[in-house]
Amino acid sequence: MNTSTTQSGRPRLSAVVLDSPEPPELATFYQHLLGMEPEQWSPDWIVLRAPDGGVGISFQRETAYVPPQWPQRPGDQQVQDHLDIAVDDLVAGVAHAVAAGAELFEFQPQDTVRVMRDPHGHVFCLYLPE
């Protein structure tokens, strides 16, 4: 996770970093899903930023990456974190994510959330904000 310091000296979150065996492939998925633009792009490290600012997503090469399993079961690689992505319409949001390359899990624990997997196995949730 990247942080930078503001003028007040207090750290601020600037990006979430996802490990990937192929960062360009995963970054391309999130670029299409979220409409983010590349700020930095190399085979091993990519930074995407939202056009309106805010927290970005970075991708780093990790050749030993093991995708988590969901729902989680003892002995499986556990989900340690996930992205929450707000949508105005769950059906349209899921269709957009699937068209970009995501997979919808069969098990869905909540009516206002859809748990999905990106092309490299990272779990993310589309949700309707209250």
N, C-alpha and C. Protein backbone atom coordinates (compact mmCIF):
# COMPACT_ATOMS: atom_id res chain seq x y z
N MET A 1 0.84 -1.16 0.00
CA MET A 1 0.00 0.00 0.00
C MET A 1 0.89 1.23 0.00
N ASN A 2 0.62 2.14 -0.89
CA ASN A 2 1.38 3.38 -0.96
C ASN A 2 0.75 4.44 -0.07
N THR A 3 1.56 5.22 0.59
CA THR A 3 1.06 6.39 1.30
C THR A 3 1.94 7.56 0.93
N SER A 4 1.38 8.74 1.02
CA SER A 4 2.17 9.94 0.86
C SER A 4 1.78 10.87 1.99
N THR A 5 2.61 11.83 2.27
CA THR A 5 2.37 12.73 3.39
C THR A 5 1.78 14.03 2.89
N THR A 6 0.76 14.52 3.57
CA THR A 6 0.15 15.79 3.24
C THR A 6 0.96 16.91 3.88
N GLN A 7 0.60 18.16 3.59
CA GLN A 7 1.32 19.30 4.18
C GLN A 7 1.21 19.30 5.70
N SER A 8 0.13 18.73 6.24
CA SER A 8 -0.03 18.68 7.70
C SER A 8 0.89 17.63 8.32
N GLY A 9 1.55 16.84 7.50
CA GLY A 9 2.42 15.79 8.01
C GLY A 9 1.69 14.48 8.28
N ARG A 10 0.38 14.48 8.17
CA ARG A 10 -0.40 13.27 8.40
C ARG A 10 -0.42 12.42 7.13
N PRO A 11 -0.14 11.12 7.22
CA PRO A 11 -0.17 10.27 6.03
C PRO A 11 -1.57 10.19 5.44
N ARG A 12 -1.62 9.96 4.13
CA ARG A 12 -2.90 9.73 3.47
C ARG A 12 -2.74 8.56 2.51
N LEU A 13 -3.77 7.77 2.42
CA LEU A 13 -3.76 6.61 1.53
C LEU A 13 -3.80 7.08 0.09
N SER A 14 -2.89 6.59 -0.73
CA SER A 14 -2.88 7.00 -2.13
C SER A 14 -3.21 5.85 -3.08
N ALA A 15 -2.96 4.60 -2.66
CA ALA A 15 -3.24 3.47 -3.55
C ALA A 15 -3.33 2.18 -2.75
N VAL A 16 -4.06 1.25 -3.31
CA VAL A 16 -4.09 -0.14 -2.86
C VAL A 16 -3.26 -0.91 -3.88
N VAL A 17 -2.45 -1.86 -3.42
CA VAL A 17 -1.58 -2.61 -4.31
C VAL A 17 -2.05 -4.06 -4.37
N LEU A 18 -2.24 -4.57 -5.59
CA LEU A 18 -2.60 -5.96 -5.79
C LEU A 18 -1.42 -6.71 -6.40
N ASP A 19 -1.12 -7.87 -5.83
CA ASP A 19 -0.10 -8.74 -6.40
C ASP A 19 -0.67 -9.48 -7.60
N SER A 20 0.19 -9.76 -8.56
CA SER A 20 -0.26 -10.43 -9.77
C SER A 20 0.92 -11.09 -10.47
N PRO A 21 0.71 -12.27 -11.07
CA PRO A 21 1.79 -12.85 -11.87
C PRO A 21 1.97 -12.09 -13.19
N GLU A 22 0.95 -11.34 -13.64
CA GLU A 22 1.00 -10.56 -14.87
C GLU A 22 0.31 -9.20 -14.65
N PRO A 23 1.04 -8.24 -14.07
CA PRO A 23 0.43 -6.94 -13.77
C PRO A 23 -0.25 -6.25 -14.95
N PRO A 24 0.33 -6.25 -16.18
CA PRO A 24 -0.36 -5.55 -17.28
C PRO A 24 -1.75 -6.13 -17.56
N GLU A 25 -1.88 -7.43 -17.50
CA GLU A 25 -3.17 -8.06 -17.75
C GLU A 25 -4.20 -7.65 -16.70
N LEU A 26 -3.81 -7.69 -15.43
CA LEU A 26 -4.74 -7.34 -14.36
C LEU A 26 -5.06 -5.85 -14.37
N ALA A 27 -4.08 -5.02 -14.64
CA ALA A 27 -4.31 -3.57 -14.71
C ALA A 27 -5.27 -3.22 -15.84
N THR A 28 -5.16 -3.90 -16.96
CA THR A 28 -6.06 -3.67 -18.08
C THR A 28 -7.50 -3.99 -17.69
N PHE A 29 -7.71 -5.08 -16.93
CA PHE A 29 -9.04 -5.42 -16.45
C PHE A 29 -9.61 -4.28 -15.61
N TYR A 30 -8.85 -3.81 -14.61
CA TYR A 30 -9.34 -2.75 -13.72
C TYR A 30 -9.48 -1.42 -14.46
N GLN A 31 -8.65 -1.19 -15.45
CA GLN A 31 -8.78 0.03 -16.25
C GLN A 31 -10.13 0.03 -16.96
N HIS A 32 -10.53 -1.11 -17.53
CA HIS A 32 -11.83 -1.21 -18.20
C HIS A 32 -12.98 -1.18 -17.20
N LEU A 33 -12.81 -1.87 -16.07
CA LEU A 33 -13.87 -1.94 -15.06
C LEU A 33 -14.17 -0.57 -14.45
N LEU A 34 -13.11 0.16 -14.09
CA LEU A 34 -13.27 1.38 -13.30
C LEU A 34 -13.03 2.68 -14.06
N GLY A 35 -12.57 2.59 -15.31
CA GLY A 35 -12.32 3.80 -16.07
C GLY A 35 -11.11 4.58 -15.59
N MET A 36 -10.18 3.91 -14.94
CA MET A 36 -8.98 4.57 -14.44
C MET A 36 -7.95 4.69 -15.55
N GLU A 37 -7.06 5.65 -15.37
CA GLU A 37 -6.02 5.92 -16.36
C GLU A 37 -4.64 5.56 -15.81
N PRO A 38 -3.76 5.02 -16.65
CA PRO A 38 -2.41 4.69 -16.18
C PRO A 38 -1.60 5.94 -15.89
N GLU A 39 -0.95 5.91 -14.75
CA GLU A 39 -0.01 6.97 -14.36
C GLU A 39 1.42 6.47 -14.56
N GLN A 40 1.59 5.19 -14.36
CA GLN A 40 2.91 4.55 -14.55
C GLN A 40 2.64 3.15 -15.06
N TRP A 41 3.45 2.68 -16.04
CA TRP A 41 3.19 1.37 -16.64
C TRP A 41 4.52 0.72 -17.02
N SER A 42 4.80 -0.40 -16.38
CA SER A 42 5.94 -1.22 -16.75
C SER A 42 5.51 -2.68 -16.58
N PRO A 43 6.28 -3.63 -17.05
CA PRO A 43 5.88 -5.03 -16.92
C PRO A 43 5.71 -5.49 -15.47
N ASP A 44 6.41 -4.86 -14.53
CA ASP A 44 6.40 -5.31 -13.15
C ASP A 44 5.67 -4.39 -12.17
N TRP A 45 5.32 -3.17 -12.59
CA TRP A 45 4.69 -2.20 -11.68
C TRP A 45 3.82 -1.25 -12.48
N ILE A 46 2.54 -1.18 -12.10
CA ILE A 46 1.59 -0.31 -12.80
C ILE A 46 0.80 0.48 -11.76
N VAL A 47 0.55 1.74 -12.06
CA VAL A 47 -0.27 2.60 -11.20
C VAL A 47 -1.42 3.12 -12.04
N LEU A 48 -2.65 2.91 -11.56
CA LEU A 48 -3.85 3.47 -12.19
C LEU A 48 -4.43 4.52 -11.26
N ARG A 49 -4.91 5.61 -11.84
CA ARG A 49 -5.54 6.69 -11.09
C ARG A 49 -6.91 6.99 -11.67
N ALA A 50 -7.84 7.32 -10.80
CA ALA A 50 -9.16 7.75 -11.23
C ALA A 50 -9.03 9.14 -11.85
N PRO A 51 -9.76 9.42 -12.92
CA PRO A 51 -9.67 10.74 -13.55
C PRO A 51 -10.01 11.88 -12.59
N ASP A 52 -10.87 11.62 -11.61
CA ASP A 52 -11.27 12.67 -10.67
C ASP A 52 -10.46 12.65 -9.38
N GLY A 53 -9.34 11.93 -9.36
CA GLY A 53 -8.49 11.85 -8.17
C GLY A 53 -8.91 10.73 -7.25
N GLY A 54 -8.47 10.78 -6.02
CA GLY A 54 -8.82 9.74 -5.06
C GLY A 54 -7.78 8.62 -5.04
N VAL A 55 -8.14 7.58 -4.33
CA VAL A 55 -7.25 6.43 -4.15
C VAL A 55 -7.11 5.68 -5.47
N GLY A 56 -5.89 5.32 -5.81
CA GLY A 56 -5.62 4.57 -7.02
C GLY A 56 -5.42 3.09 -6.72
N ILE A 57 -5.17 2.34 -7.77
CA ILE A 57 -4.84 0.92 -7.64
C ILE A 57 -3.51 0.71 -8.34
N SER A 58 -2.60 0.02 -7.65
CA SER A 58 -1.31 -0.34 -8.24
C SER A 58 -1.22 -1.85 -8.34
N PHE A 59 -0.38 -2.31 -9.22
CA PHE A 59 -0.22 -3.75 -9.47
C PHE A 59 1.26 -4.06 -9.50
N GLN A 60 1.67 -5.05 -8.71
CA GLN A 60 3.08 -5.44 -8.70
C GLN A 60 3.21 -6.91 -9.04
N ARG A 61 4.30 -7.24 -9.74
CA ARG A 61 4.54 -8.63 -10.12
C ARG A 61 4.88 -9.45 -8.88
N GLU A 62 4.17 -10.55 -8.73
CA GLU A 62 4.43 -11.53 -7.68
C GLU A 62 4.25 -12.90 -8.31
N THR A 63 5.38 -13.54 -8.64
CA THR A 63 5.32 -14.81 -9.35
C THR A 63 4.78 -15.95 -8.48
N ALA A 64 4.83 -15.80 -7.16
CA ALA A 64 4.33 -16.85 -6.27
C ALA A 64 2.90 -16.57 -5.80
N TYR A 65 2.20 -15.63 -6.44
CA TYR A 65 0.83 -15.29 -6.04
C TYR A 65 -0.08 -16.51 -6.09
N VAL A 66 -0.86 -16.71 -5.03
CA VAL A 66 -1.86 -17.78 -4.96
C VAL A 66 -3.21 -17.12 -4.75
N PRO A 67 -4.16 -17.29 -5.67
CA PRO A 67 -5.45 -16.64 -5.50
C PRO A 67 -6.21 -17.20 -4.29
N PRO A 68 -6.95 -16.34 -3.60
CA PRO A 68 -7.73 -16.79 -2.46
C PRO A 68 -8.96 -17.59 -2.91
N GLN A 69 -9.50 -18.37 -2.01
CA GLN A 69 -10.73 -19.12 -2.26
C GLN A 69 -11.89 -18.44 -1.55
N TRP A 70 -13.03 -18.43 -2.20
CA TRP A 70 -14.23 -17.88 -1.58
C TRP A 70 -15.43 -18.67 -2.06
N PRO A 71 -16.36 -19.02 -1.19
CA PRO A 71 -16.28 -18.81 0.24
C PRO A 71 -15.09 -19.55 0.85
N GLN A 72 -14.61 -19.00 1.94
CA GLN A 72 -13.40 -19.53 2.56
C GLN A 72 -13.68 -20.84 3.27
N ARG A 73 -12.71 -21.76 3.13
CA ARG A 73 -12.76 -23.04 3.84
C ARG A 73 -11.42 -23.28 4.50
N PRO A 74 -11.41 -23.98 5.62
CA PRO A 74 -10.14 -24.28 6.30
C PRO A 74 -9.17 -24.97 5.33
N GLY A 75 -7.92 -24.56 5.38
CA GLY A 75 -6.88 -25.14 4.53
C GLY A 75 -6.70 -24.46 3.19
N ASP A 76 -7.67 -23.66 2.76
CA ASP A 76 -7.56 -22.93 1.49
C ASP A 76 -6.82 -21.61 1.71
N GLN A 77 -6.30 -21.05 0.63
CA GLN A 77 -5.76 -19.70 0.68
C GLN A 77 -6.90 -18.77 1.06
N GLN A 78 -6.76 -18.01 2.12
CA GLN A 78 -7.82 -17.16 2.63
C GLN A 78 -7.83 -15.79 1.95
N VAL A 79 -9.01 -15.19 1.87
CA VAL A 79 -9.15 -13.81 1.41
C VAL A 79 -8.65 -12.92 2.54
N GLN A 80 -7.64 -12.12 2.27
CA GLN A 80 -7.09 -11.24 3.30
C GLN A 80 -7.62 -9.82 3.17
N ASP A 81 -8.06 -9.46 2.00
CA ASP A 81 -8.65 -8.15 1.77
C ASP A 81 -9.42 -8.23 0.47
N HIS A 82 -10.26 -7.25 0.23
CA HIS A 82 -10.99 -7.18 -1.04
C HIS A 82 -11.36 -5.74 -1.32
N LEU A 83 -11.71 -5.46 -2.55
CA LEU A 83 -12.13 -4.12 -2.95
C LEU A 83 -13.65 -4.04 -2.90
N ASP A 84 -14.19 -2.96 -2.37
CA ASP A 84 -15.61 -2.65 -2.41
C ASP A 84 -15.81 -1.58 -3.47
N ILE A 85 -16.70 -1.87 -4.42
CA ILE A 85 -16.93 -0.97 -5.55
C ILE A 85 -18.42 -0.64 -5.60
N ALA A 86 -18.74 0.63 -5.39
CA ALA A 86 -20.13 1.07 -5.40
C ALA A 86 -20.68 1.13 -6.82
N VAL A 87 -21.93 0.69 -6.98
CA VAL A 87 -22.62 0.76 -8.27
C VAL A 87 -24.03 1.29 -8.02
N ASP A 88 -24.63 1.86 -9.05
CA ASP A 88 -26.01 2.35 -8.95
C ASP A 88 -27.01 1.24 -9.24
N ASP A 89 -26.57 0.22 -9.97
CA ASP A 89 -27.45 -0.86 -10.41
C ASP A 89 -26.63 -2.16 -10.38
N LEU A 90 -27.03 -3.10 -9.53
CA LEU A 90 -26.26 -4.34 -9.40
C LEU A 90 -26.26 -5.16 -10.69
N VAL A 91 -27.39 -5.27 -11.34
CA VAL A 91 -27.47 -6.08 -12.56
C VAL A 91 -26.55 -5.50 -13.63
N ALA A 92 -26.63 -4.20 -13.84
CA ALA A 92 -25.78 -3.55 -14.84
C ALA A 92 -24.31 -3.61 -14.42
N GLY A 93 -24.04 -3.42 -13.13
CA GLY A 93 -22.66 -3.49 -12.63
C GLY A 93 -22.05 -4.87 -12.84
N VAL A 94 -22.81 -5.90 -12.55
CA VAL A 94 -22.32 -7.27 -12.76
C VAL A 94 -22.09 -7.53 -14.24
N ALA A 95 -23.02 -7.11 -15.08
CA ALA A 95 -22.85 -7.30 -16.53
C ALA A 95 -21.60 -6.60 -17.03
N HIS A 96 -21.35 -5.39 -16.56
CA HIS A 96 -20.14 -4.64 -16.96
C HIS A 96 -18.88 -5.37 -16.49
N ALA A 97 -18.88 -5.85 -15.24
CA ALA A 97 -17.71 -6.55 -14.70
C ALA A 97 -17.46 -7.85 -15.44
N VAL A 98 -18.51 -8.60 -15.74
CA VAL A 98 -18.36 -9.86 -16.47
C VAL A 98 -17.83 -9.59 -17.88
N ALA A 99 -18.34 -8.54 -18.54
CA ALA A 99 -17.85 -8.19 -19.87
C ALA A 99 -16.37 -7.82 -19.85
N ALA A 100 -15.91 -7.25 -18.73
CA ALA A 100 -14.49 -6.88 -18.59
C ALA A 100 -13.62 -8.09 -18.27
N GLY A 101 -14.24 -9.21 -17.83
CA GLY A 101 -13.46 -10.42 -17.55
C GLY A 101 -13.63 -10.98 -16.15
N ALA A 102 -14.54 -10.42 -15.34
CA ALA A 102 -14.76 -10.91 -13.98
C ALA A 102 -15.67 -12.12 -13.98
N GLU A 103 -15.70 -12.79 -12.84
CA GLU A 103 -16.56 -13.95 -12.64
C GLU A 103 -17.43 -13.69 -11.41
N LEU A 104 -18.71 -13.99 -11.52
CA LEU A 104 -19.64 -13.86 -10.40
C LEU A 104 -19.66 -15.17 -9.64
N PHE A 105 -19.46 -15.11 -8.32
CA PHE A 105 -19.54 -16.31 -7.50
C PHE A 105 -20.99 -16.76 -7.40
N GLU A 106 -21.18 -18.06 -7.28
CA GLU A 106 -22.53 -18.60 -7.12
C GLU A 106 -23.11 -18.20 -5.77
N PHE A 107 -22.33 -18.34 -4.70
CA PHE A 107 -22.81 -18.01 -3.36
C PHE A 107 -22.76 -16.50 -3.16
N GLN A 108 -23.89 -15.91 -2.82
CA GLN A 108 -24.00 -14.48 -2.56
C GLN A 108 -24.66 -14.29 -1.20
N PRO A 109 -23.92 -13.74 -0.22
CA PRO A 109 -24.44 -13.66 1.15
C PRO A 109 -25.41 -12.52 1.43
N GLN A 110 -25.52 -11.53 0.53
CA GLN A 110 -26.37 -10.36 0.77
C GLN A 110 -27.10 -9.96 -0.50
N ASP A 111 -28.28 -9.40 -0.34
CA ASP A 111 -29.08 -8.96 -1.50
C ASP A 111 -28.51 -7.73 -2.19
N THR A 112 -27.81 -6.88 -1.47
CA THR A 112 -27.33 -5.62 -2.04
C THR A 112 -25.84 -5.64 -2.38
N VAL A 113 -25.26 -6.85 -2.39
CA VAL A 113 -23.83 -7.02 -2.69
C VAL A 113 -23.68 -8.20 -3.64
N ARG A 114 -22.75 -8.06 -4.58
CA ARG A 114 -22.40 -9.18 -5.45
C ARG A 114 -20.89 -9.41 -5.32
N VAL A 115 -20.53 -10.61 -4.86
CA VAL A 115 -19.14 -10.99 -4.68
C VAL A 115 -18.64 -11.56 -6.00
N MET A 116 -17.50 -11.03 -6.45
CA MET A 116 -16.95 -11.40 -7.75
C MET A 116 -15.45 -11.69 -7.63
N ARG A 117 -14.90 -12.23 -8.70
CA ARG A 117 -13.47 -12.53 -8.78
C ARG A 117 -12.92 -11.89 -10.06
N ASP A 118 -11.77 -11.20 -9.91
CA ASP A 118 -11.15 -10.64 -11.11
C ASP A 118 -10.42 -11.75 -11.86
N PRO A 119 -9.86 -11.48 -13.04
CA PRO A 119 -9.21 -12.53 -13.83
C PRO A 119 -8.04 -13.24 -13.15
N HIS A 120 -7.46 -12.66 -12.10
CA HIS A 120 -6.36 -13.31 -11.38
C HIS A 120 -6.79 -13.84 -10.03
N GLY A 121 -8.09 -13.80 -9.75
CA GLY A 121 -8.61 -14.43 -8.54
C GLY A 121 -8.82 -13.53 -7.34
N HIS A 122 -8.49 -12.24 -7.43
CA HIS A 122 -8.76 -11.33 -6.32
C HIS A 122 -10.27 -11.16 -6.17
N VAL A 123 -10.73 -11.22 -4.94
CA VAL A 123 -12.15 -11.04 -4.67
C VAL A 123 -12.47 -9.55 -4.59
N PHE A 124 -13.59 -9.16 -5.18
CA PHE A 124 -14.09 -7.80 -5.02
C PHE A 124 -15.61 -7.85 -4.93
N CYS A 125 -16.18 -6.80 -4.34
CA CYS A 125 -17.63 -6.74 -4.16
C CYS A 125 -18.18 -5.52 -4.86
N LEU A 126 -19.24 -5.74 -5.64
CA LEU A 126 -20.05 -4.64 -6.13
C LEU A 126 -21.17 -4.48 -5.13
N TYR A 127 -21.48 -3.24 -4.76
CA TYR A 127 -22.53 -3.04 -3.77
C TYR A 127 -23.35 -1.79 -4.06
N LEU A 128 -24.59 -1.79 -3.56
CA LEU A 128 -25.46 -0.63 -3.66
C LEU A 128 -25.27 0.21 -2.41
N PRO A 129 -24.78 1.44 -2.54
CA PRO A 129 -24.62 2.29 -1.35
C PRO A 129 -26.00 2.65 -0.80
N GLU A 130 -26.04 2.86 0.49
CA GLU A 130 -27.32 3.22 1.13
C GLU A 130 -27.63 4.67 0.96
